[in-house]
Amino acid sequence: MALNIDRRSLILGGSMGLGALMLPAGRGLAAELLGARGFTHNVASGEPGADTMLLWTRYVPAAGDGEIRLDVEVALDPEFTRRVSGGSVRTGAHRDWTAKITVDGLKPGTVHWYRFIAPDGTKSPVGRTKTLPEGEAPSFKLALFSCANLPIGWFNAYGHAAQRQDLDLWLHVGDYLYEYGTASYHDRLVAGRVLEPDHEMIALADYRLRFGCYRSDPDLQRLHQMAPMVALWDDHESANDSWEGGAQNHQPTTEGEWNTRRAASMQAYREWMPVSDEPWKAYALGNLATLYRTESRLLARTRQADLAAVFQAANPEAALKAFRDGAWQDPSATMLGTTQESWLAHAFKANARSTAWQLVGMGTILGRTVMPRDALGWLRPETNARTAERFRNDIRAAAQDVPMWMDRWDGYPAARSRLLKAAQAADADLVMLSGDSHNAWAYSLAEDGRPAGVEFAGQAVTSGGMEGSFAADPRTVAQGFVAANPELKWADTSRRGYMTLEITPQRVTGEWLFLRTIQARDTTIADTHRMHAERGRRAFA
């Protein structure tokens, strides 16, 4: 349903800022701001297993701020004549009236239907979900999404995917929403895409309301209603370029303690998303593959290296060489933390014996990328001096074999090496599934001169990519990046959409789907691109 957000309540909540976190048990603050009652945001499912599923909804009672009970029915048909499972769950203002329940006793590899029943007998919309296969499975198909920025475009990628019946699972690898306020978007706002709250989200009330705003989108609601989702956060669910101890887009002097903001972002995410509280997890897709949900932002990531500071030195070339051979190579720098690194290495070793493919969902790209020498010639004529200097410095870094994006795995080369070596040691057929960059990429990953796996990096749902900086033909830009980067086998640097992955015992095939537009609600696909990897090759064919 479309929410009618009460502006007076919104202004009141915004004025409370960080103080809203101190209200006892939240006092239903987000529900008061949203103003909606009943089943406000449809239903969703996630954390799939062969016989289990996590189900989600949000129900706000007409009056009162105490706990309520919701009942759940699960059936093999949408009319609920063949019920196979169910249960009950409590919710209340303390968790923003969101409810999650894990149900058991489901049939492997099977479509199920579910609904919630409120205390007054009203029923939620009916959701469709599908369990994971068990044992031998001929194929499995999932869709990959990332980087959905609501005020700058319509979620046509979600709308297109939700219409399909051939996909078993959604995988969202981060930037499900963005923290910025309306003022940050200047002239990029798309008509009809209203952002709430209109200021940057900092407090728990802000994060909750932003989720409520995003989840009011009809295409996103339909996506969640039609299939289960495995989701992981990246940075914008908290703040830009976040790490364990801070973020580029967090100013403690005016926005309070980072740990308070980080906790608020994590709480709202876990309330509003169909996810468990486990920080990372593995999912068996029968004997076809093991899918891994990772966490690479808020729990253990060390601070990103500051490449920009290198060029402020008195002798930038000497400073760049010292950075390349010193700070950049620091083995203590980590994306995942030692506990998760160990878990993943052991999981590779155990699961590579029983499943054909090891699929790792990751917030940022693993493939190594340097800036091409020709990039300055691609820039738009109106590019300001500061931006041009940044590109110039990235080219200077490339000449010393230093990549340009320190917020990706490129900024953590020792940790990247450990991950790839763990896959090689396990004799695993590794497939990285990533987002973050807003553009589409395909990498054949290598370590110690040997093939280590492939990476399918999906384009954004709406967020703008390199086309914002370059006036050159996007095909020229893509070809230039491929020529400058040995691991990179293909790229698209200009279009939005989503990606699908078809997994069979001997082959993984990725298809990038590019939408005609995000400026209007339109699910027309303008173009596609397909690539595949054969089992045992650990590189693109």
Protein backbone atom coordinates (compact mmCIF):
# COMPACT_ATOMS: atom_id res chain seq x y z
CA MET A 1 0.00 0.00 0.00
CA ALA A 2 1.08 3.61 -0.49
CA LEU A 3 1.85 5.30 2.79
CA ASN A 4 0.41 8.66 3.76
CA ILE A 5 3.23 10.08 5.87
CA ASP A 6 2.14 12.75 8.30
CA ARG A 7 4.40 15.76 7.69
CA ARG A 8 3.84 17.27 11.14
CA SER A 9 4.95 14.05 12.83
CA LEU A 10 7.91 13.80 10.48
CA ILE A 11 9.14 17.28 11.39
CA LEU A 12 8.72 16.46 15.06
CA GLY A 13 10.73 13.25 14.72
CA GLY A 14 13.44 14.98 12.73
CA SER A 15 13.85 17.65 15.37
CA MET A 16 14.48 14.95 17.97
CA GLY A 17 17.53 13.69 16.05
CA LEU A 18 19.78 11.45 18.13
CA GLY A 19 17.58 12.02 21.17
CA ALA A 20 14.92 9.82 19.61
CA LEU A 21 17.12 6.83 20.41
CA MET A 22 16.62 7.53 24.10
CA LEU A 23 12.85 7.11 24.07
CA PRO A 24 11.82 4.05 26.11
CA ALA A 25 11.36 1.08 23.77
CA GLY A 26 11.03 3.47 20.83
CA ARG A 27 7.43 4.32 21.91
CA GLY A 28 6.28 3.43 18.40
CA LEU A 29 8.00 6.55 17.09
CA ALA A 30 8.44 5.22 13.55
CA ALA A 31 4.82 4.00 13.44
CA GLU A 32 3.67 7.46 14.56
CA LEU A 33 5.78 9.09 11.84
CA LEU A 34 4.50 6.77 9.14
CA GLY A 35 0.91 7.10 10.27
CA ALA A 36 -0.24 3.89 8.58
CA ARG A 37 -2.18 1.10 10.30
CA GLY A 38 -2.73 -2.57 9.57
CA PHE A 39 -0.40 -4.49 7.24
CA THR A 40 1.57 -1.49 6.03
CA HIS A 41 4.29 -2.96 3.80
CA ASN A 42 3.12 -6.25 2.27
CA VAL A 43 5.17 -9.40 3.03
CA ALA A 44 8.63 -10.79 2.34
CA SER A 45 10.64 -13.99 2.76
CA GLY A 46 14.31 -14.84 3.11
CA GLU A 47 16.98 -17.04 4.69
CA PRO A 48 15.80 -20.01 2.59
CA GLY A 49 16.59 -23.62 3.38
CA ALA A 50 15.46 -26.91 1.92
CA ASP A 51 12.66 -27.19 4.50
CA THR A 52 12.66 -23.80 6.25
CA MET A 53 11.97 -20.16 5.43
CA LEU A 54 12.00 -16.85 7.29
CA LEU A 55 8.79 -14.85 6.71
CA TRP A 56 8.40 -11.10 7.29
CA THR A 57 5.65 -8.54 7.56
CA ARG A 58 4.78 -5.30 9.38
CA TYR A 59 1.50 -4.79 11.21
CA VAL A 60 0.55 -1.66 13.17
CA PRO A 61 -2.57 -1.95 15.35
CA ALA A 62 -5.21 0.75 15.32
CA ALA A 63 -4.48 1.69 18.93
CA GLY A 64 -2.09 0.86 21.76
CA ASP A 65 1.64 0.38 22.03
CA GLY A 66 1.81 -3.07 23.63
CA GLU A 67 2.72 -6.36 22.02
CA ILE A 68 0.44 -8.16 19.58
CA ARG A 69 0.42 -11.68 18.15
CA LEU A 70 0.33 -12.50 14.45
CA ASP A 71 -0.49 -15.98 13.19
CA VAL A 72 1.07 -17.45 10.05
CA GLU A 73 -0.25 -19.96 7.53
CA VAL A 74 1.89 -21.70 4.88
CA ALA A 75 0.40 -23.79 2.09
CA LEU A 76 1.22 -25.44 -1.21
CA ASP A 77 -1.50 -23.46 -2.99
CA PRO A 78 -2.52 -19.78 -2.95
CA GLU A 79 -6.03 -20.73 -1.75
CA PHE A 80 -4.53 -22.34 1.40
CA THR A 81 -6.40 -25.63 0.98
CA ARG A 82 -3.15 -27.63 1.39
CA ARG A 83 -1.54 -26.17 4.50
CA VAL A 84 1.84 -27.57 5.46
CA SER A 85 3.18 -25.24 8.15
CA GLY A 86 2.52 -22.18 10.24
CA GLY A 87 3.12 -20.60 13.60
CA SER A 88 2.74 -17.38 15.56
CA VAL A 89 5.00 -14.45 16.38
CA ARG A 90 4.86 -11.36 18.58
CA THR A 91 5.75 -7.83 17.60
CA GLY A 92 5.43 -4.35 19.05
CA ALA A 93 6.68 -0.79 19.05
CA HIS A 94 10.07 -1.98 20.32
CA ARG A 95 10.81 -3.41 16.87
CA ASP A 96 8.82 -0.89 14.83
CA TRP A 97 5.94 -3.39 14.50
CA THR A 98 7.94 -5.59 12.11
CA ALA A 99 7.59 -9.35 12.54
CA LYS A 100 9.81 -12.23 11.48
CA ILE A 101 9.21 -15.95 11.94
CA THR A 102 11.09 -19.01 10.69
CA VAL A 103 8.77 -21.84 9.67
CA ASP A 104 9.74 -25.51 9.28
CA GLY A 105 8.32 -28.62 7.65
CA LEU A 106 8.42 -27.29 4.09
CA LYS A 107 9.09 -29.32 0.94
CA PRO A 108 12.51 -28.92 -0.77
CA GLY A 109 12.69 -27.06 -4.06
CA THR A 110 8.99 -26.21 -3.91
CA VAL A 111 6.88 -23.08 -4.24
CA HIS A 112 4.94 -22.28 -1.07
CA TRP A 113 2.35 -19.61 -0.28
CA TYR A 114 2.04 -17.79 3.02
CA ARG A 115 0.08 -15.10 4.84
CA PHE A 116 -0.12 -13.44 8.24
CA ILE A 117 -3.34 -13.08 10.25
CA ALA A 118 -3.82 -10.14 12.62
CA PRO A 119 -5.62 -10.25 16.00
CA ASP A 120 -8.74 -8.76 14.42
CA GLY A 121 -8.80 -11.46 11.74
CA THR A 122 -7.54 -9.34 8.86
CA LYS A 123 -5.08 -11.06 6.54
CA SER A 124 -1.91 -9.81 4.92
CA PRO A 125 -1.35 -10.02 1.18
CA VAL A 126 -0.42 -13.57 0.12
CA GLY A 127 3.28 -14.12 -0.43
CA ARG A 128 4.99 -16.60 -2.73
CA THR A 129 8.31 -18.20 -1.76
CA LYS A 130 10.42 -21.16 -2.81
CA THR A 131 12.62 -23.46 -0.77
CA LEU A 132 16.11 -24.48 -1.83
CA PRO A 133 16.66 -27.79 -3.61
CA GLU A 134 17.96 -30.84 -1.80
CA GLY A 135 20.26 -33.48 -3.30
CA GLU A 136 20.75 -33.55 -7.05
CA ALA A 137 19.46 -30.46 -8.83
CA PRO A 138 19.71 -29.89 -12.59
CA SER A 139 19.77 -26.08 -12.38
CA PHE A 140 19.13 -23.06 -10.17
CA LYS A 141 18.51 -19.43 -11.16
CA LEU A 142 18.93 -16.31 -9.09
CA ALA A 143 18.80 -12.58 -9.73
CA LEU A 144 21.48 -10.18 -8.47
CA PHE A 145 20.68 -6.60 -7.41
CA SER A 146 22.62 -3.71 -5.90
CA CYS A 147 22.61 0.06 -5.47
CA ALA A 148 19.00 1.21 -5.53
CA ASN A 149 18.82 4.98 -4.99
CA LEU A 150 15.12 5.87 -4.80
CA PRO A 151 15.02 9.63 -5.55
CA ILE A 152 17.03 9.41 -8.79
CA GLY A 153 15.10 6.66 -10.58
CA TRP A 154 12.32 4.10 -10.68
CA PHE A 155 12.94 0.55 -9.50
CA ASN A 156 12.22 -0.93 -12.93
CA ALA A 157 14.77 -3.69 -12.38
CA TYR A 158 12.74 -4.94 -9.43
CA GLY A 159 9.52 -4.64 -11.39
CA HIS A 160 10.88 -6.63 -14.33
CA ALA A 161 12.33 -9.41 -12.18
CA ALA A 162 9.13 -9.71 -10.11
CA GLN A 163 7.17 -10.54 -13.28
CA ARG A 164 9.32 -13.59 -13.99
CA GLN A 165 8.47 -17.13 -12.92
CA ASP A 166 11.84 -18.72 -13.80
CA LEU A 167 13.91 -17.29 -10.93
CA ASP A 168 14.35 -19.14 -7.63
CA LEU A 169 15.97 -16.50 -5.44
CA TRP A 170 16.87 -12.82 -5.17
CA LEU A 171 20.39 -11.91 -4.01
CA HIS A 172 20.83 -8.30 -2.92
CA VAL A 173 24.49 -7.46 -2.33
CA GLY A 174 24.05 -4.06 -0.76
CA ASP A 175 23.11 -0.39 -0.98
CA TYR A 176 19.48 -1.44 -0.70
CA LEU A 177 18.90 2.18 0.34
CA TYR A 178 20.95 5.39 0.70
CA GLU A 179 21.51 7.62 3.70
CA TYR A 180 21.64 11.02 1.97
CA GLY A 181 19.10 13.80 2.34
CA THR A 182 17.18 15.32 -0.56
CA ALA A 183 19.54 18.32 -0.77
CA SER A 184 22.40 16.01 -1.81
CA TYR A 185 20.76 15.20 -5.13
CA HIS A 186 20.43 18.73 -6.58
CA ASP A 187 19.03 18.43 -10.11
CA ARG A 188 19.09 14.62 -10.26
CA LEU A 189 15.72 14.11 -8.56
CA VAL A 190 13.12 12.26 -10.61
CA ALA A 191 9.53 13.48 -10.48
CA GLY A 192 7.33 11.36 -8.26
CA ARG A 193 10.20 9.90 -6.23
CA VAL A 194 9.70 11.45 -2.79
CA LEU A 195 12.33 10.73 -0.14
CA GLU A 196 11.49 10.51 3.56
CA PRO A 197 12.93 11.74 5.78
CA ASP A 198 14.23 14.49 3.53
CA HIS A 199 17.36 14.92 5.65
CA GLU A 200 20.31 12.52 6.04
CA MET A 201 19.42 9.53 8.20
CA ILE A 202 21.39 9.48 11.44
CA ALA A 203 19.07 8.39 14.28
CA LEU A 204 17.11 5.16 14.60
CA ALA A 205 13.88 7.00 13.70
CA ASP A 206 15.53 8.23 10.48
CA TYR A 207 16.69 4.76 9.41
CA ARG A 208 13.29 3.24 10.17
CA LEU A 209 11.44 5.92 8.24
CA ARG A 210 13.79 5.62 5.26
CA PHE A 211 13.14 1.87 5.15
CA GLY A 212 9.43 2.58 5.36
CA CYS A 213 9.76 5.00 2.45
CA TYR A 214 11.71 2.58 0.24
CA ARG A 215 9.51 -0.37 1.11
CA SER A 216 6.45 1.63 0.00
CA ASP A 217 7.68 1.36 -3.59
CA PRO A 218 5.27 -1.00 -5.41
CA ASP A 219 7.95 -2.73 -7.46
CA LEU A 220 10.11 -3.44 -4.42
CA GLN A 221 7.07 -4.71 -2.53
CA ARG A 222 6.19 -7.01 -5.41
CA LEU A 223 9.75 -8.30 -5.63
CA HIS A 224 9.72 -9.31 -1.96
CA GLN A 225 6.25 -10.81 -2.32
CA MET A 226 7.17 -13.15 -5.19
CA ALA A 227 10.39 -14.93 -4.10
CA PRO A 228 12.80 -15.21 -1.15
CA MET A 229 15.76 -12.86 -0.80
CA VAL A 230 19.26 -13.36 0.59
CA ALA A 231 20.45 -9.87 1.49
CA LEU A 232 23.60 -8.29 2.85
CA TRP A 233 24.37 -4.68 3.61
CA ASP A 234 27.12 -2.56 2.10
CA ASP A 235 27.95 1.01 3.18
CA HIS A 236 24.94 3.19 2.34
CA GLU A 237 22.66 1.26 4.67
CA SER A 238 24.72 3.06 7.35
CA ALA A 239 26.91 5.82 5.80
CA ASN A 240 29.20 6.19 2.80
CA ASP A 241 32.51 4.26 2.92
CA SER A 242 31.73 2.93 6.38
CA TRP A 243 34.12 0.71 8.31
CA GLU A 244 34.22 -0.67 11.85
CA GLY A 245 35.21 2.63 13.44
CA GLY A 246 33.63 5.32 11.27
CA ALA A 247 32.61 6.45 7.78
CA GLN A 248 33.46 9.09 5.22
CA ASN A 249 29.95 10.46 5.59
CA HIS A 250 29.89 10.69 9.39
CA GLN A 251 31.00 13.76 11.37
CA PRO A 252 31.15 12.96 15.12
CA THR A 253 31.16 16.63 16.15
CA THR A 254 27.72 17.25 14.63
CA GLU A 255 26.25 13.76 14.24
CA GLY A 256 27.21 12.06 17.50
CA GLU A 257 29.09 8.86 18.23
CA TRP A 258 29.65 6.54 15.26
CA ASN A 259 28.84 3.46 17.33
CA THR A 260 25.40 4.89 18.11
CA ARG A 261 24.69 5.54 14.45
CA ARG A 262 26.09 2.17 13.40
CA ALA A 263 23.89 0.38 15.95
CA ALA A 264 20.83 2.29 14.74
CA SER A 265 21.49 1.34 11.11
CA MET A 266 22.01 -2.31 11.97
CA GLN A 267 18.87 -2.45 14.12
CA ALA A 268 16.65 -0.90 11.46
CA TYR A 269 18.10 -3.19 8.78
CA ARG A 270 17.43 -6.29 10.83
CA GLU A 271 13.93 -5.11 11.65
CA TRP A 272 12.88 -4.22 8.11
CA MET A 273 14.67 -6.90 6.06
CA PRO A 274 13.84 -10.63 5.79
CA VAL A 275 17.21 -11.56 7.31
CA SER A 276 18.39 -13.39 10.39
CA ASP A 277 20.72 -11.79 12.93
CA GLU A 278 23.59 -14.09 11.95
CA PRO A 279 26.43 -11.92 10.62
CA TRP A 280 27.28 -14.37 7.83
CA LYS A 281 25.78 -17.61 6.57
CA ALA A 282 26.01 -20.42 3.99
CA TYR A 283 23.09 -21.80 1.94
CA ALA A 284 23.23 -25.17 0.16
CA LEU A 285 21.64 -25.14 -3.31
CA GLY A 286 21.38 -28.91 -3.42
CA ASN A 287 24.55 -30.41 -4.83
CA LEU A 288 24.90 -27.54 -7.31
CA ALA A 289 26.44 -24.83 -5.18
CA THR A 290 26.96 -23.27 -1.79
CA LEU A 291 25.95 -19.62 -1.58
CA TYR A 292 27.67 -17.48 1.05
CA ARG A 293 26.28 -14.30 2.60
CA THR A 294 29.18 -12.21 3.87
CA GLU A 295 29.62 -9.07 6.01
CA SER A 296 32.38 -6.71 4.93
CA ARG A 297 31.46 -3.30 6.34
CA LEU A 298 30.49 -2.72 9.95
CA LEU A 299 31.81 -5.55 12.12
CA ALA A 300 35.52 -5.94 11.35
CA ARG A 301 36.58 -3.94 8.29
CA THR A 302 39.66 -1.84 8.98
CA ARG A 303 39.87 1.73 7.78
CA GLN A 304 40.44 2.28 4.07
CA ALA A 305 43.87 3.40 2.90
CA ASP A 306 43.97 7.10 1.94
CA LEU A 307 45.36 7.22 -1.58
CA ALA A 308 44.39 10.89 -1.97
CA ALA A 309 46.76 11.86 0.85
CA VAL A 310 49.68 10.32 -1.03
CA PHE A 311 49.44 12.97 -3.76
CA GLN A 312 49.54 15.78 -1.20
CA ALA A 313 53.12 14.86 -0.22
CA ALA A 314 56.06 17.05 -1.19
CA ASN A 315 57.28 14.30 -3.54
CA PRO A 316 54.14 12.47 -4.75
CA GLU A 317 55.99 9.93 -6.87
CA ALA A 318 58.21 8.82 -3.99
CA ALA A 319 55.20 8.81 -1.65
CA LEU A 320 53.26 6.66 -4.12
CA LYS A 321 56.04 4.08 -4.33
CA ALA A 322 56.33 4.02 -0.54
CA PHE A 323 52.56 3.53 -0.28
CA ARG A 324 52.62 0.73 -2.87
CA ASP A 325 55.37 -1.18 -1.10
CA GLY A 326 54.28 -0.35 2.46
CA ALA A 327 50.91 0.74 3.82
CA TRP A 328 48.92 -0.68 0.91
CA GLN A 329 50.37 -4.17 1.51
CA ASP A 330 49.70 -4.22 5.26
CA PRO A 331 48.53 -7.77 6.14
CA SER A 332 46.51 -6.48 9.11
CA ALA A 333 44.14 -4.64 6.76
CA THR A 334 40.96 -6.70 6.45
CA MET A 335 37.51 -6.51 4.90
CA LEU A 336 36.02 -9.50 6.70
CA GLY A 337 38.00 -9.82 9.91
CA THR A 338 40.02 -12.88 10.87
CA THR A 339 37.03 -14.81 12.28
CA GLN A 340 35.01 -14.56 9.08
CA GLU A 341 38.09 -15.17 6.91
CA SER A 342 38.70 -18.41 8.82
CA TRP A 343 35.03 -19.43 8.58
CA LEU A 344 35.00 -18.88 4.82
CA ALA A 345 38.26 -20.77 4.24
CA HIS A 346 37.01 -23.75 6.26
CA ALA A 347 33.64 -23.61 4.49
CA PHE A 348 35.34 -23.67 1.07
CA LYS A 349 37.30 -26.74 2.11
CA ALA A 350 34.24 -28.57 3.42
CA ASN A 351 31.69 -27.58 0.77
CA ALA A 352 33.86 -27.85 -2.35
CA ARG A 353 33.68 -31.64 -1.86
CA SER A 354 29.88 -31.74 -1.89
CA THR A 355 28.76 -28.83 -4.09
CA ALA A 356 30.03 -27.98 -7.56
CA TRP A 357 30.30 -24.21 -7.15
CA GLN A 358 31.16 -21.82 -4.34
CA LEU A 359 29.14 -18.61 -4.82
CA VAL A 360 30.19 -15.69 -2.61
CA GLY A 361 27.86 -12.71 -2.28
CA MET A 362 30.02 -9.66 -1.57
CA GLY A 363 29.30 -5.97 -1.12
CA THR A 364 32.28 -4.73 -3.16
CA ILE A 365 34.23 -5.95 -6.18
CA LEU A 366 37.21 -8.29 -5.84
CA GLY A 367 38.54 -7.90 -9.40
CA ARG A 368 41.61 -5.69 -9.73
CA THR A 369 41.04 -2.41 -11.60
CA VAL A 370 43.38 0.46 -12.48
CA MET A 371 42.48 3.67 -14.30
CA PRO A 372 43.25 3.58 -18.05
CA ARG A 373 45.77 6.10 -19.37
CA ASP A 374 43.19 7.49 -21.82
CA ALA A 375 40.66 8.40 -19.13
CA LEU A 376 41.49 12.12 -19.11
CA GLY A 377 40.50 12.33 -22.75
CA TRP A 378 37.09 10.80 -21.96
CA LEU A 379 36.05 13.45 -19.42
CA ARG A 380 33.20 15.83 -20.08
CA PRO A 381 34.27 19.33 -21.20
CA GLU A 382 32.62 20.90 -18.15
CA THR A 383 34.58 18.71 -15.70
CA ASN A 384 35.95 20.86 -12.89
CA ALA A 385 39.64 21.01 -12.04
CA ARG A 386 39.29 19.03 -8.82
CA THR A 387 37.63 16.08 -10.55
CA ALA A 388 40.13 16.14 -13.40
CA GLU A 389 42.99 16.11 -10.88
CA ARG A 390 41.49 13.05 -9.19
CA PHE A 391 41.46 11.18 -12.50
CA ARG A 392 44.99 12.37 -13.22
CA ASN A 393 46.15 10.98 -9.87
CA ASP A 394 44.41 7.66 -10.53
CA ILE A 395 46.33 7.39 -13.81
CA ARG A 396 49.59 8.19 -12.00
CA ALA A 397 48.76 5.45 -9.50
CA ALA A 398 48.09 2.99 -12.32
CA ALA A 399 51.56 3.65 -13.71
CA GLN A 400 52.90 2.32 -10.38
CA ASP A 401 50.49 -0.67 -10.53
CA VAL A 402 48.27 0.79 -7.79
CA PRO A 403 44.49 0.52 -8.30
CA MET A 404 42.13 3.46 -7.90
CA TRP A 405 39.34 2.30 -5.55
CA MET A 406 40.67 1.86 -2.03
CA ASP A 407 37.16 1.17 -0.68
CA ARG A 408 37.00 -2.08 -2.67
CA TRP A 409 39.12 -5.21 -2.28
CA ASP A 410 41.72 -3.30 -4.32
CA GLY A 411 42.46 -1.40 -1.12
CA TYR A 412 43.09 -4.64 0.81
CA PRO A 413 45.46 -6.68 -1.40
CA ALA A 414 46.77 -8.96 1.36
CA ALA A 415 43.22 -9.86 2.42
CA ARG A 416 42.22 -10.40 -1.21
CA SER A 417 45.17 -12.74 -1.63
CA ARG A 418 44.14 -14.72 1.47
CA LEU A 419 40.60 -15.18 0.14
CA LEU A 420 41.72 -16.36 -3.29
CA LYS A 421 44.38 -18.65 -1.85
CA ALA A 422 41.76 -20.18 0.42
CA ALA A 423 39.63 -21.00 -2.64
CA GLN A 424 42.63 -22.45 -4.47
CA ALA A 425 43.66 -24.55 -1.46
CA ALA A 426 40.14 -25.97 -1.29
CA ASP A 427 40.18 -26.75 -5.03
CA ALA A 428 36.98 -24.71 -5.22
CA ASP A 429 35.24 -23.40 -8.30
CA LEU A 430 34.82 -19.85 -6.98
CA VAL A 431 32.19 -17.43 -8.30
CA MET A 432 32.14 -13.95 -6.76
CA LEU A 433 28.80 -12.09 -6.98
CA SER A 434 29.20 -8.39 -6.23
CA GLY A 435 27.87 -4.88 -6.74
CA ASP A 436 28.75 -1.41 -5.39
CA SER A 437 30.36 0.16 -8.49
CA HIS A 438 27.03 0.90 -10.27
CA ASN A 439 28.46 -0.53 -13.49
CA ALA A 440 28.69 -4.05 -14.94
CA TRP A 441 31.96 -6.02 -14.97
CA ALA A 442 33.22 -9.57 -15.53
CA TYR A 443 36.59 -10.66 -14.14
CA SER A 444 38.69 -13.79 -14.42
CA LEU A 445 40.39 -13.71 -11.02
CA ALA A 446 43.99 -14.83 -10.56
CA GLU A 447 46.35 -15.38 -7.63
CA ASP A 448 50.04 -16.26 -7.82
CA GLY A 449 49.71 -16.43 -11.60
CA ARG A 450 47.06 -19.16 -11.41
CA PRO A 451 43.30 -18.99 -12.15
CA ALA A 452 41.31 -18.54 -8.93
CA GLY A 453 37.71 -18.04 -10.05
CA VAL A 454 35.37 -15.64 -11.81
CA GLU A 455 33.46 -12.56 -10.73
CA PHE A 456 30.09 -11.37 -11.98
CA ALA A 457 29.69 -7.74 -10.85
CA GLY A 458 26.21 -6.38 -11.37
CA GLN A 459 25.17 -2.89 -12.42
CA ALA A 460 23.04 -0.64 -10.23
CA VAL A 461 19.27 -0.67 -10.06
CA THR A 462 19.29 3.16 -10.31
CA SER A 463 22.54 4.68 -8.99
CA GLY A 464 24.60 6.56 -11.56
CA GLY A 465 27.88 5.13 -12.86
CA MET A 466 30.86 6.29 -14.88
CA GLU A 467 28.68 7.79 -17.57
CA GLY A 468 28.31 10.77 -15.23
CA SER A 469 31.99 11.65 -15.65
CA PHE A 470 32.68 10.69 -19.27
CA ALA A 471 31.59 12.23 -22.55
CA ALA A 472 33.24 9.50 -24.60
CA ASP A 473 31.26 6.67 -26.20
CA PRO A 474 30.59 4.13 -23.40
CA ARG A 475 31.95 1.38 -25.66
CA THR A 476 35.26 3.24 -25.87
CA VAL A 477 35.35 3.58 -22.09
CA ALA A 478 34.58 -0.10 -21.54
CA GLN A 479 37.19 -1.21 -24.07
CA GLY A 480 39.75 1.06 -22.43
CA PHE A 481 39.15 -0.47 -19.01
CA VAL A 482 39.38 -4.02 -20.40
CA ALA A 483 42.64 -3.21 -22.20
CA ALA A 484 44.19 -1.72 -19.05
CA ASN A 485 43.21 -4.55 -16.68
CA PRO A 486 44.28 -8.16 -17.33
CA GLU A 487 41.63 -9.67 -15.02
CA LEU A 488 38.78 -7.70 -16.60
CA LYS A 489 37.15 -9.50 -19.54
CA TRP A 490 34.10 -7.33 -20.21
CA ALA A 491 32.44 -4.16 -18.90
CA ASP A 492 29.49 -1.86 -19.41
CA THR A 493 29.93 1.60 -17.90
CA SER A 494 26.66 3.34 -18.66
CA ARG A 495 23.43 1.39 -18.06
CA ARG A 496 21.17 0.33 -15.19
CA GLY A 497 19.34 -2.92 -14.52
CA TYR A 498 20.04 -6.25 -12.88
CA MET A 499 21.75 -9.56 -13.50
CA THR A 500 20.67 -13.21 -13.51
CA LEU A 501 22.79 -16.27 -12.84
CA GLU A 502 21.93 -19.78 -14.05
CA ILE A 503 23.84 -22.55 -12.29
CA THR A 504 24.19 -26.08 -13.66
CA PRO A 505 26.65 -28.80 -12.63
CA GLN A 506 29.09 -27.90 -15.41
CA ARG A 507 28.44 -24.23 -16.15
CA VAL A 508 27.51 -20.89 -14.58
CA THR A 509 25.95 -18.39 -16.98
CA GLY A 510 25.44 -14.74 -16.13
CA GLU A 511 23.15 -12.40 -18.02
CA TRP A 512 23.17 -8.63 -17.52
CA LEU A 513 19.81 -7.05 -18.35
CA PHE A 514 19.81 -3.34 -19.21
CA LEU A 515 16.63 -1.30 -18.89
CA ARG A 516 15.50 1.26 -21.41
CA THR A 517 15.09 3.92 -18.73
CA ILE A 518 14.84 4.63 -15.01
CA GLN A 519 13.39 8.14 -15.52
CA ALA A 520 9.86 6.74 -15.85
CA ARG A 521 8.17 3.56 -14.66
CA ASP A 522 9.00 1.24 -17.56
CA THR A 523 10.21 -2.37 -17.39
CA THR A 524 11.29 -2.60 -21.03
CA ILE A 525 14.66 -4.34 -21.50
CA ALA A 526 16.80 -2.53 -24.07
CA ASP A 527 19.75 -4.93 -24.24
CA THR A 528 21.39 -7.96 -22.60
CA HIS A 529 24.85 -9.50 -22.37
CA ARG A 530 25.72 -13.11 -21.47
CA MET A 531 28.94 -14.75 -20.28
CA HIS A 532 29.69 -18.14 -18.79
CA ALA A 533 32.32 -20.09 -16.88
CA GLU A 534 32.91 -23.82 -17.22
CA ARG A 535 33.56 -25.94 -14.16
CA GLY A 536 37.25 -26.56 -13.54
CA ARG A 537 38.50 -23.66 -15.69
CA ARG A 538 38.11 -20.94 -13.02
CA ALA A 539 38.09 -18.29 -15.75
CA PHE A 540 35.61 -17.01 -18.31
CA ALA A 541 35.35 -19.02 -21.50
